[in-house]
N, C-alpha and C. Protein backbone atom coordinates (compact mmCIF):
# COMPACT_ATOMS: atom_id res chain seq x y z
N MET A 1 -71.09 -14.21 -89.01
CA MET A 1 -69.76 -14.13 -89.36
C MET A 1 -69.66 -14.22 -90.83
N SER A 2 -68.86 -13.60 -91.54
CA SER A 2 -68.64 -13.71 -93.02
C SER A 2 -67.56 -14.78 -93.21
N ASP A 3 -67.58 -15.31 -94.52
CA ASP A 3 -66.60 -16.40 -94.87
C ASP A 3 -65.15 -15.76 -94.92
N ALA A 4 -65.07 -14.52 -95.21
CA ALA A 4 -63.75 -13.90 -95.28
C ALA A 4 -63.02 -13.89 -94.05
N ALA A 5 -63.79 -13.83 -92.89
CA ALA A 5 -63.19 -13.71 -91.60
C ALA A 5 -62.50 -15.13 -91.24
N ASN A 6 -63.20 -16.19 -91.77
CA ASN A 6 -62.72 -17.52 -91.62
C ASN A 6 -61.71 -18.09 -92.52
N THR A 7 -61.48 -17.42 -93.60
CA THR A 7 -60.59 -17.85 -94.58
C THR A 7 -59.21 -17.53 -94.26
N PRO A 8 -58.26 -18.46 -93.95
CA PRO A 8 -56.86 -18.16 -93.82
C PRO A 8 -56.30 -17.41 -94.95
N THR A 9 -55.51 -16.43 -94.47
CA THR A 9 -54.81 -15.56 -95.55
C THR A 9 -53.49 -16.00 -95.71
N SER A 10 -52.76 -16.05 -96.85
CA SER A 10 -51.44 -16.40 -96.99
C SER A 10 -50.51 -15.21 -96.75
N PRO A 11 -49.41 -15.38 -96.22
CA PRO A 11 -48.47 -14.40 -95.82
C PRO A 11 -48.17 -13.70 -97.17
N THR A 12 -48.08 -12.35 -96.99
CA THR A 12 -47.75 -11.43 -98.06
C THR A 12 -46.18 -11.42 -98.23
N PRO A 13 -45.62 -11.59 -99.37
CA PRO A 13 -44.27 -11.60 -99.60
C PRO A 13 -43.64 -10.28 -99.21
N PRO A 14 -42.38 -10.14 -98.75
CA PRO A 14 -41.92 -8.96 -98.29
C PRO A 14 -41.71 -8.00 -99.59
N ALA A 15 -41.76 -6.67 -99.32
CA ALA A 15 -41.50 -5.77 -100.43
C ALA A 15 -40.22 -6.00 -100.94
N PRO A 16 -40.03 -5.59 -102.35
CA PRO A 16 -38.77 -5.75 -103.00
C PRO A 16 -37.64 -4.92 -102.27
N ASP A 17 -37.96 -3.84 -101.70
CA ASP A 17 -36.91 -2.99 -100.97
C ASP A 17 -36.38 -3.85 -99.72
N ALA A 18 -37.37 -4.39 -99.09
CA ALA A 18 -36.99 -5.22 -97.92
C ALA A 18 -36.05 -6.36 -98.29
N MET A 19 -36.27 -7.07 -99.33
CA MET A 19 -35.50 -8.06 -99.84
C MET A 19 -34.13 -7.67 -100.10
N GLU A 20 -33.96 -6.42 -100.79
CA GLU A 20 -32.55 -5.82 -100.99
C GLU A 20 -31.82 -5.57 -99.64
N GLU A 21 -32.56 -5.04 -98.58
CA GLU A 21 -31.95 -4.82 -97.37
C GLU A 21 -31.46 -6.14 -96.73
N VAL A 22 -32.13 -7.35 -96.86
CA VAL A 22 -31.75 -8.61 -96.43
C VAL A 22 -30.35 -8.97 -97.14
N ARG A 23 -30.23 -8.86 -98.47
CA ARG A 23 -29.15 -9.27 -99.17
C ARG A 23 -27.89 -8.54 -98.90
N GLU A 24 -28.14 -7.22 -98.56
CA GLU A 24 -27.01 -6.21 -98.38
C GLU A 24 -26.38 -6.41 -97.01
N GLN A 25 -27.08 -7.00 -95.97
CA GLN A 25 -26.63 -7.16 -94.64
C GLN A 25 -25.48 -8.06 -94.75
N PRO A 26 -24.32 -7.82 -93.99
CA PRO A 26 -23.19 -8.68 -93.91
C PRO A 26 -23.66 -10.06 -93.28
N THR A 27 -22.95 -11.09 -93.72
CA THR A 27 -23.28 -12.44 -93.06
C THR A 27 -22.19 -12.70 -92.04
N MET A 28 -22.46 -13.46 -91.12
CA MET A 28 -21.46 -13.84 -90.03
C MET A 28 -20.61 -15.06 -90.86
N PRO A 29 -19.34 -14.85 -90.52
CA PRO A 29 -18.55 -15.91 -91.07
C PRO A 29 -18.83 -17.37 -90.43
N LEU A 30 -18.81 -18.42 -91.21
CA LEU A 30 -19.10 -19.66 -90.63
C LEU A 30 -18.14 -20.25 -89.69
N GLU A 31 -16.96 -19.80 -89.81
CA GLU A 31 -15.86 -20.33 -89.01
C GLU A 31 -15.23 -19.16 -88.30
N MET A 32 -15.18 -19.25 -86.89
CA MET A 32 -14.63 -18.03 -86.18
C MET A 32 -13.07 -18.37 -86.06
N PRO A 33 -12.24 -17.43 -86.00
CA PRO A 33 -10.79 -17.65 -85.92
C PRO A 33 -10.52 -18.43 -84.71
N LEU A 34 -9.58 -19.52 -84.84
CA LEU A 34 -9.15 -20.25 -83.72
C LEU A 34 -8.08 -19.41 -82.79
N ALA A 35 -8.09 -19.82 -81.60
CA ALA A 35 -7.17 -19.12 -80.70
C ALA A 35 -5.70 -19.43 -81.21
N SER A 36 -4.89 -18.35 -81.12
CA SER A 36 -3.57 -18.38 -81.58
C SER A 36 -2.74 -19.16 -80.42
N ASP A 37 -1.56 -19.62 -80.77
CA ASP A 37 -0.66 -20.25 -79.80
C ASP A 37 -0.43 -19.32 -78.56
N GLU A 38 -0.27 -17.97 -78.92
CA GLU A 38 0.08 -16.95 -77.92
C GLU A 38 -1.15 -16.87 -77.07
N GLU A 39 -2.42 -16.86 -77.62
CA GLU A 39 -3.73 -16.74 -76.73
C GLU A 39 -3.79 -17.94 -75.93
N ARG A 40 -3.51 -19.10 -76.43
CA ARG A 40 -3.62 -20.40 -75.62
C ARG A 40 -2.62 -20.34 -74.55
N GLU A 41 -1.35 -19.79 -74.79
CA GLU A 41 -0.39 -19.90 -73.63
C GLU A 41 -0.70 -18.78 -72.63
N SER A 42 -1.37 -17.68 -72.97
CA SER A 42 -1.72 -16.72 -72.05
C SER A 42 -2.94 -17.22 -71.13
N LEU A 43 -3.84 -17.97 -71.89
CA LEU A 43 -4.81 -18.60 -71.06
C LEU A 43 -4.40 -19.74 -70.11
N GLU A 44 -3.39 -20.46 -70.58
CA GLU A 44 -2.77 -21.58 -69.64
C GLU A 44 -2.16 -20.85 -68.50
N ARG A 45 -1.49 -19.71 -68.81
CA ARG A 45 -0.64 -19.11 -67.84
C ARG A 45 -1.69 -18.52 -66.60
N VAL A 46 -2.74 -17.94 -67.08
CA VAL A 46 -3.78 -17.32 -66.19
C VAL A 46 -4.46 -18.54 -65.48
N ARG A 47 -4.59 -19.58 -65.99
CA ARG A 47 -5.30 -20.81 -65.37
C ARG A 47 -4.42 -21.23 -64.26
N LYS A 48 -3.02 -21.28 -64.55
CA LYS A 48 -2.15 -21.76 -63.38
C LYS A 48 -2.22 -20.72 -62.30
N PHE A 49 -2.32 -19.59 -62.57
CA PHE A 49 -2.53 -18.54 -61.43
C PHE A 49 -3.68 -18.56 -60.78
N LEU A 50 -4.81 -18.92 -61.36
CA LEU A 50 -6.05 -19.24 -60.71
C LEU A 50 -5.84 -20.48 -59.78
N LEU A 51 -5.17 -21.46 -60.25
CA LEU A 51 -5.14 -22.65 -59.41
C LEU A 51 -4.22 -22.21 -58.14
N VAL A 52 -3.12 -21.34 -58.24
CA VAL A 52 -2.37 -21.08 -57.22
C VAL A 52 -3.13 -20.24 -56.10
N VAL A 53 -3.84 -19.20 -56.61
CA VAL A 53 -4.60 -18.43 -55.84
C VAL A 53 -5.74 -19.31 -55.16
N HIS A 54 -6.32 -20.18 -55.79
CA HIS A 54 -7.52 -20.94 -55.37
C HIS A 54 -6.87 -21.88 -54.22
N ARG A 55 -5.83 -22.34 -54.34
CA ARG A 55 -5.14 -23.13 -53.28
C ARG A 55 -4.93 -22.39 -52.08
N GLY A 56 -4.43 -21.20 -52.26
CA GLY A 56 -4.14 -20.31 -51.22
C GLY A 56 -5.37 -19.82 -50.51
N LEU A 57 -6.57 -19.66 -51.31
CA LEU A 57 -7.81 -19.24 -50.65
C LEU A 57 -8.34 -20.48 -49.81
N LEU A 58 -8.17 -21.69 -50.36
CA LEU A 58 -8.65 -22.84 -49.66
C LEU A 58 -8.03 -23.08 -48.31
N GLN A 59 -6.63 -22.77 -48.40
CA GLN A 59 -5.80 -22.92 -47.09
C GLN A 59 -6.30 -21.79 -46.15
N ALA A 60 -6.36 -20.63 -46.62
CA ALA A 60 -6.87 -19.41 -45.74
C ALA A 60 -8.26 -19.64 -45.14
N GLU A 61 -9.21 -20.12 -46.04
CA GLU A 61 -10.56 -20.45 -45.55
C GLU A 61 -10.68 -21.67 -44.62
N ARG A 62 -9.67 -22.77 -44.84
CA ARG A 62 -9.69 -23.79 -43.93
C ARG A 62 -9.26 -23.34 -42.48
N THR A 63 -8.23 -22.41 -42.58
CA THR A 63 -7.79 -21.84 -41.21
C THR A 63 -8.99 -21.10 -40.55
N ARG A 64 -9.60 -20.27 -41.27
CA ARG A 64 -10.70 -19.46 -40.71
C ARG A 64 -11.77 -20.36 -40.23
N TYR A 65 -12.18 -21.42 -41.02
CA TYR A 65 -13.29 -22.48 -40.61
C TYR A 65 -12.82 -23.06 -39.33
N GLU A 66 -11.58 -23.59 -39.27
CA GLU A 66 -11.21 -24.23 -38.02
C GLU A 66 -11.24 -23.40 -36.73
N LYS A 67 -10.97 -22.11 -36.91
CA LYS A 67 -11.03 -21.18 -35.81
C LYS A 67 -12.46 -21.07 -35.34
N VAL A 68 -13.38 -21.10 -36.27
CA VAL A 68 -14.76 -20.92 -35.78
C VAL A 68 -15.50 -22.24 -35.40
N ARG A 69 -15.08 -23.27 -36.10
CA ARG A 69 -15.95 -24.54 -36.01
C ARG A 69 -15.03 -25.79 -35.46
N GLY A 70 -13.76 -25.60 -35.32
CA GLY A 70 -13.03 -26.67 -34.82
C GLY A 70 -12.26 -27.34 -35.99
N ARG A 71 -11.23 -28.24 -35.49
CA ARG A 71 -10.21 -28.76 -36.45
C ARG A 71 -10.98 -29.70 -37.37
N ILE A 72 -10.49 -29.72 -38.60
CA ILE A 72 -10.99 -30.67 -39.64
C ILE A 72 -10.01 -31.83 -39.64
N ASP A 73 -10.65 -32.98 -39.47
CA ASP A 73 -9.83 -34.24 -39.35
C ASP A 73 -8.81 -34.53 -40.37
N ASN A 74 -9.19 -34.46 -41.57
CA ASN A 74 -8.23 -34.75 -42.64
C ASN A 74 -8.57 -34.20 -43.91
N ASN A 75 -7.73 -34.48 -44.89
CA ASN A 75 -8.01 -33.68 -46.24
C ASN A 75 -9.25 -34.15 -46.87
N SER A 76 -9.67 -35.34 -46.77
CA SER A 76 -10.84 -35.94 -47.13
C SER A 76 -12.04 -35.25 -46.59
N ALA A 77 -12.09 -35.06 -45.34
CA ALA A 77 -13.18 -34.37 -44.64
C ALA A 77 -13.15 -32.98 -45.20
N PHE A 78 -12.05 -32.26 -45.37
CA PHE A 78 -11.83 -31.01 -45.91
C PHE A 78 -12.63 -30.94 -47.31
N LEU A 79 -12.22 -31.90 -48.07
CA LEU A 79 -12.75 -31.82 -49.50
C LEU A 79 -14.34 -31.91 -49.46
N GLN A 80 -14.89 -32.70 -48.58
CA GLN A 80 -16.31 -32.91 -48.46
C GLN A 80 -16.89 -31.52 -47.99
N LEU A 81 -16.23 -30.90 -47.05
CA LEU A 81 -16.64 -29.54 -46.64
C LEU A 81 -16.64 -28.53 -47.72
N VAL A 82 -15.57 -28.48 -48.55
CA VAL A 82 -15.42 -27.58 -49.65
C VAL A 82 -16.70 -27.89 -50.69
N ILE A 83 -17.03 -29.08 -50.96
CA ILE A 83 -18.04 -29.46 -51.85
C ILE A 83 -19.39 -29.20 -51.36
N ASN A 84 -19.68 -29.44 -50.07
CA ASN A 84 -21.00 -29.46 -49.53
C ASN A 84 -21.34 -28.22 -48.50
N ASP A 85 -20.34 -27.67 -47.86
CA ASP A 85 -20.64 -26.66 -46.75
C ASP A 85 -20.79 -25.29 -47.40
N PRO A 86 -21.79 -24.70 -47.11
CA PRO A 86 -22.09 -23.27 -47.75
C PRO A 86 -20.96 -22.25 -47.33
N PHE A 87 -20.22 -22.60 -46.22
CA PHE A 87 -19.04 -21.74 -45.99
C PHE A 87 -18.11 -21.47 -47.02
N PHE A 88 -17.95 -22.44 -47.80
CA PHE A 88 -16.99 -22.46 -48.96
C PHE A 88 -17.54 -22.20 -50.32
N ASP A 89 -18.90 -21.98 -50.38
CA ASP A 89 -19.58 -21.66 -51.68
C ASP A 89 -18.95 -20.63 -52.44
N TRP A 90 -18.60 -19.46 -51.90
CA TRP A 90 -18.08 -18.39 -52.53
C TRP A 90 -16.75 -18.67 -53.37
N LEU A 91 -16.10 -19.82 -53.08
CA LEU A 91 -14.91 -20.16 -53.86
C LEU A 91 -15.19 -20.85 -55.18
N ARG A 92 -16.34 -21.24 -55.39
CA ARG A 92 -16.72 -21.98 -56.55
C ARG A 92 -16.52 -21.28 -57.88
N PRO A 93 -16.74 -20.05 -58.02
CA PRO A 93 -16.57 -19.35 -59.31
C PRO A 93 -15.12 -19.61 -59.73
N MET A 94 -14.16 -19.58 -58.92
CA MET A 94 -12.76 -19.75 -59.42
C MET A 94 -12.51 -21.10 -59.84
N ALA A 95 -13.10 -22.27 -59.10
CA ALA A 95 -12.93 -23.51 -59.51
C ALA A 95 -13.72 -23.74 -60.85
N GLN A 96 -14.75 -23.34 -60.98
CA GLN A 96 -15.61 -23.48 -62.19
C GLN A 96 -14.95 -22.73 -63.42
N LEU A 97 -14.22 -21.59 -63.28
CA LEU A 97 -13.55 -21.07 -64.34
C LEU A 97 -12.38 -21.92 -64.71
N VAL A 98 -11.71 -22.37 -63.80
CA VAL A 98 -10.55 -23.31 -64.05
C VAL A 98 -11.03 -24.46 -64.93
N LEU A 99 -12.21 -25.14 -64.54
CA LEU A 99 -12.67 -26.32 -65.28
C LEU A 99 -13.18 -25.86 -66.60
N LEU A 100 -13.91 -24.58 -66.74
CA LEU A 100 -14.34 -24.27 -68.05
C LEU A 100 -13.01 -24.02 -68.94
N ILE A 101 -12.00 -23.46 -68.58
CA ILE A 101 -10.78 -23.17 -69.23
C ILE A 101 -10.26 -24.66 -69.73
N ASP A 102 -10.27 -25.59 -68.76
CA ASP A 102 -9.72 -26.82 -69.24
C ASP A 102 -10.56 -27.49 -70.31
N GLU A 103 -11.99 -27.50 -70.10
CA GLU A 103 -12.77 -28.01 -71.06
C GLU A 103 -12.63 -27.42 -72.46
N ARG A 104 -12.65 -26.04 -72.55
CA ARG A 104 -12.60 -25.39 -73.65
C ARG A 104 -11.26 -25.51 -74.47
N SER A 105 -10.21 -25.57 -73.74
CA SER A 105 -8.90 -25.78 -74.29
C SER A 105 -8.57 -27.23 -74.78
N THR A 106 -9.43 -28.15 -74.36
CA THR A 106 -9.21 -29.53 -74.84
C THR A 106 -10.21 -30.10 -75.73
N ASP A 107 -11.23 -29.24 -75.98
CA ASP A 107 -12.51 -29.73 -76.86
C ASP A 107 -11.93 -29.78 -78.16
N ARG A 108 -11.97 -30.87 -78.77
CA ARG A 108 -11.52 -31.23 -80.28
C ARG A 108 -12.71 -31.00 -81.21
N LYS A 109 -13.85 -31.24 -80.73
CA LYS A 109 -15.14 -31.10 -81.50
C LYS A 109 -15.44 -29.67 -81.79
N SER A 110 -15.06 -28.98 -80.85
CA SER A 110 -15.40 -27.35 -81.00
C SER A 110 -14.31 -26.69 -80.40
N PRO A 111 -13.24 -26.42 -81.23
CA PRO A 111 -11.98 -25.84 -80.84
C PRO A 111 -12.15 -24.34 -80.30
N LEU A 112 -11.23 -24.05 -79.38
CA LEU A 112 -11.22 -22.71 -78.72
C LEU A 112 -11.09 -21.57 -79.67
N GLY A 113 -11.94 -20.66 -79.80
CA GLY A 113 -11.83 -19.49 -80.66
C GLY A 113 -11.04 -18.61 -80.13
N SER A 114 -10.57 -17.64 -80.87
CA SER A 114 -9.74 -16.52 -80.42
C SER A 114 -10.40 -15.55 -79.53
N ALA A 115 -11.69 -15.15 -79.91
CA ALA A 115 -12.52 -14.24 -79.02
C ALA A 115 -12.83 -14.90 -77.72
N GLU A 116 -13.14 -16.28 -77.66
CA GLU A 116 -13.47 -16.92 -76.49
C GLU A 116 -12.20 -17.12 -75.58
N ALA A 117 -11.04 -17.33 -76.21
CA ALA A 117 -9.77 -17.30 -75.33
C ALA A 117 -9.61 -16.03 -74.62
N ARG A 118 -9.85 -14.90 -75.45
CA ARG A 118 -9.65 -13.58 -74.87
C ARG A 118 -10.75 -13.35 -73.64
N SER A 119 -11.90 -13.76 -73.92
CA SER A 119 -12.85 -13.56 -73.01
C SER A 119 -12.58 -14.36 -71.75
N LEU A 120 -12.25 -15.68 -71.81
CA LEU A 120 -11.88 -16.48 -70.60
C LEU A 120 -10.75 -15.72 -69.96
N TYR A 121 -9.78 -15.22 -70.60
CA TYR A 121 -8.57 -14.58 -70.00
C TYR A 121 -9.00 -13.38 -69.24
N ASP A 122 -9.95 -12.67 -69.91
CA ASP A 122 -10.30 -11.44 -69.16
C ASP A 122 -11.26 -11.74 -67.73
N ARG A 123 -12.08 -12.84 -68.09
CA ARG A 123 -12.84 -13.14 -66.93
C ARG A 123 -11.95 -13.62 -65.70
N ALA A 124 -10.78 -14.42 -65.95
CA ALA A 124 -9.79 -14.88 -65.08
C ALA A 124 -9.26 -13.65 -64.36
N ARG A 125 -8.73 -12.65 -65.15
CA ARG A 125 -8.09 -11.50 -64.52
C ARG A 125 -9.11 -10.76 -63.74
N THR A 126 -10.28 -10.69 -64.10
CA THR A 126 -11.30 -9.94 -63.37
C THR A 126 -11.56 -10.68 -61.89
N LEU A 127 -11.55 -12.05 -62.09
CA LEU A 127 -11.79 -12.79 -60.86
C LEU A 127 -10.62 -12.80 -59.88
N LEU A 128 -9.40 -12.50 -60.42
CA LEU A 128 -8.20 -12.37 -59.58
C LEU A 128 -8.03 -11.09 -59.00
N ARG A 129 -9.11 -10.11 -59.16
CA ARG A 129 -8.81 -8.83 -58.63
C ARG A 129 -9.78 -8.75 -57.40
N ALA A 130 -9.23 -8.68 -56.26
CA ALA A 130 -9.95 -8.52 -55.09
C ALA A 130 -10.45 -6.98 -54.90
N ASP A 131 -11.64 -6.86 -54.55
CA ASP A 131 -12.29 -5.50 -54.69
C ASP A 131 -13.39 -5.44 -53.61
N ALA A 132 -13.07 -4.47 -52.59
CA ALA A 132 -14.14 -4.28 -51.45
C ALA A 132 -15.39 -3.77 -52.12
N GLU A 133 -15.46 -3.18 -53.23
CA GLU A 133 -16.74 -2.69 -53.85
C GLU A 133 -17.21 -3.50 -55.00
N GLY A 134 -16.59 -4.65 -55.27
CA GLY A 134 -16.74 -5.44 -56.50
C GLY A 134 -17.96 -6.46 -56.27
N ASP A 135 -18.10 -7.32 -56.94
CA ASP A 135 -19.15 -8.47 -56.95
C ASP A 135 -19.03 -9.26 -55.60
N ALA A 136 -19.77 -10.19 -55.49
CA ALA A 136 -19.73 -11.16 -54.18
C ALA A 136 -18.44 -11.63 -54.07
N PHE A 137 -17.87 -12.24 -55.14
CA PHE A 137 -16.60 -13.08 -55.02
C PHE A 137 -15.58 -12.08 -54.74
N GLN A 138 -15.45 -11.07 -55.44
CA GLN A 138 -14.42 -10.07 -55.17
C GLN A 138 -14.41 -9.35 -53.82
N ARG A 139 -15.52 -9.28 -53.22
CA ARG A 139 -15.62 -8.75 -51.92
C ARG A 139 -15.22 -9.71 -50.86
N LEU A 140 -15.51 -10.99 -51.00
CA LEU A 140 -15.14 -11.97 -50.15
C LEU A 140 -13.62 -12.35 -50.31
N TYR A 141 -13.17 -12.19 -51.56
CA TYR A 141 -11.67 -12.34 -51.82
C TYR A 141 -10.97 -11.22 -51.03
N PHE A 142 -11.50 -10.09 -51.22
CA PHE A 142 -10.75 -8.92 -50.44
C PHE A 142 -10.75 -9.08 -48.95
N GLN A 143 -11.92 -9.62 -48.39
CA GLN A 143 -11.89 -9.96 -47.01
C GLN A 143 -10.80 -11.00 -46.67
N ALA A 144 -10.66 -11.97 -47.44
CA ALA A 144 -9.86 -13.07 -47.18
C ALA A 144 -8.39 -12.53 -47.15
N LEU A 145 -7.99 -11.55 -47.98
CA LEU A 145 -6.74 -10.98 -48.08
C LEU A 145 -6.50 -10.27 -46.86
N GLN A 146 -7.54 -9.61 -46.28
CA GLN A 146 -7.38 -8.90 -45.02
C GLN A 146 -7.07 -9.72 -43.81
N HIS A 147 -7.45 -10.99 -43.82
CA HIS A 147 -7.24 -11.93 -42.77
C HIS A 147 -6.02 -12.84 -42.94
N SER A 148 -5.46 -12.86 -44.11
CA SER A 148 -4.32 -13.83 -44.47
C SER A 148 -3.17 -13.10 -45.01
N PRO A 149 -2.11 -12.78 -44.27
CA PRO A 149 -0.88 -12.05 -44.92
C PRO A 149 -0.29 -12.90 -46.01
N ASP A 150 -0.31 -14.14 -45.76
CA ASP A 150 0.37 -15.02 -46.70
C ASP A 150 -0.35 -15.04 -48.08
N LEU A 151 -1.74 -14.97 -48.04
CA LEU A 151 -2.46 -14.88 -49.24
C LEU A 151 -2.37 -13.50 -49.93
N ALA A 152 -2.32 -12.54 -49.14
CA ALA A 152 -2.06 -11.20 -49.65
C ALA A 152 -0.78 -11.15 -50.41
N VAL A 153 0.38 -11.65 -49.85
CA VAL A 153 1.61 -11.75 -50.54
C VAL A 153 1.46 -12.56 -51.90
N LEU A 154 0.82 -13.84 -51.66
CA LEU A 154 0.70 -14.55 -52.91
C LEU A 154 -0.02 -13.77 -54.06
N THR A 155 -1.14 -13.08 -53.67
CA THR A 155 -1.93 -12.37 -54.62
C THR A 155 -1.17 -11.26 -55.32
N ARG A 156 -0.33 -10.52 -54.54
CA ARG A 156 0.57 -9.52 -55.16
C ARG A 156 1.57 -10.14 -56.14
N GLN A 157 2.14 -11.20 -55.88
CA GLN A 157 2.92 -11.94 -56.71
C GLN A 157 2.22 -12.39 -57.99
N VAL A 158 1.04 -12.89 -57.86
CA VAL A 158 0.30 -13.25 -59.11
C VAL A 158 -0.08 -11.99 -59.99
N ALA A 159 -0.40 -10.96 -59.37
CA ALA A 159 -0.75 -9.89 -59.94
C ALA A 159 0.41 -9.08 -60.75
N ALA A 160 1.56 -9.18 -60.13
CA ALA A 160 2.79 -8.76 -60.76
C ALA A 160 3.31 -9.63 -61.93
N ALA A 161 3.00 -10.91 -61.84
CA ALA A 161 3.39 -11.86 -62.83
C ALA A 161 2.37 -11.71 -63.96
N LEU A 162 1.19 -11.38 -63.70
CA LEU A 162 0.12 -11.18 -64.83
C LEU A 162 0.47 -9.83 -65.43
N ALA A 163 1.03 -8.83 -64.83
CA ALA A 163 1.25 -7.62 -65.47
C ALA A 163 2.37 -7.60 -66.43
N LYS A 164 3.24 -8.67 -66.43
CA LYS A 164 4.28 -8.71 -67.39
C LYS A 164 3.94 -9.03 -68.73
């Protein structure tokens, strides 16, 4: 082996043209625009609708669960089932989104940005859309609406309110 093969080489500096390209590229702003009052209000509004629909879904799924597996003794036992029983797993995305909205809306160290507020709002609207051909949550949501007229009415009311 020759000594040249064992000698570490120092990196070659970029060509002058490459340096010009780096300098000319736009830089990301250090601070993103914060969510406006209107964006925060819209996000809070859709959060409330998520809670209303989630409550309706919980009630509809409790009824369905009790038809299959028998009466649930009390609300504490029901809460444990919602947390631990796979029967209720599909409802988690809605609860998790509500928690995420809560966390991001109240985070003082890293305030909610405008783009993030819009993104959370869009995610919530998508989640509130029952769809027989959609993702797993949307399909199960669609099925729940087919079994619960009360939930279907509630969902139509929420959709109408969001359209305003």
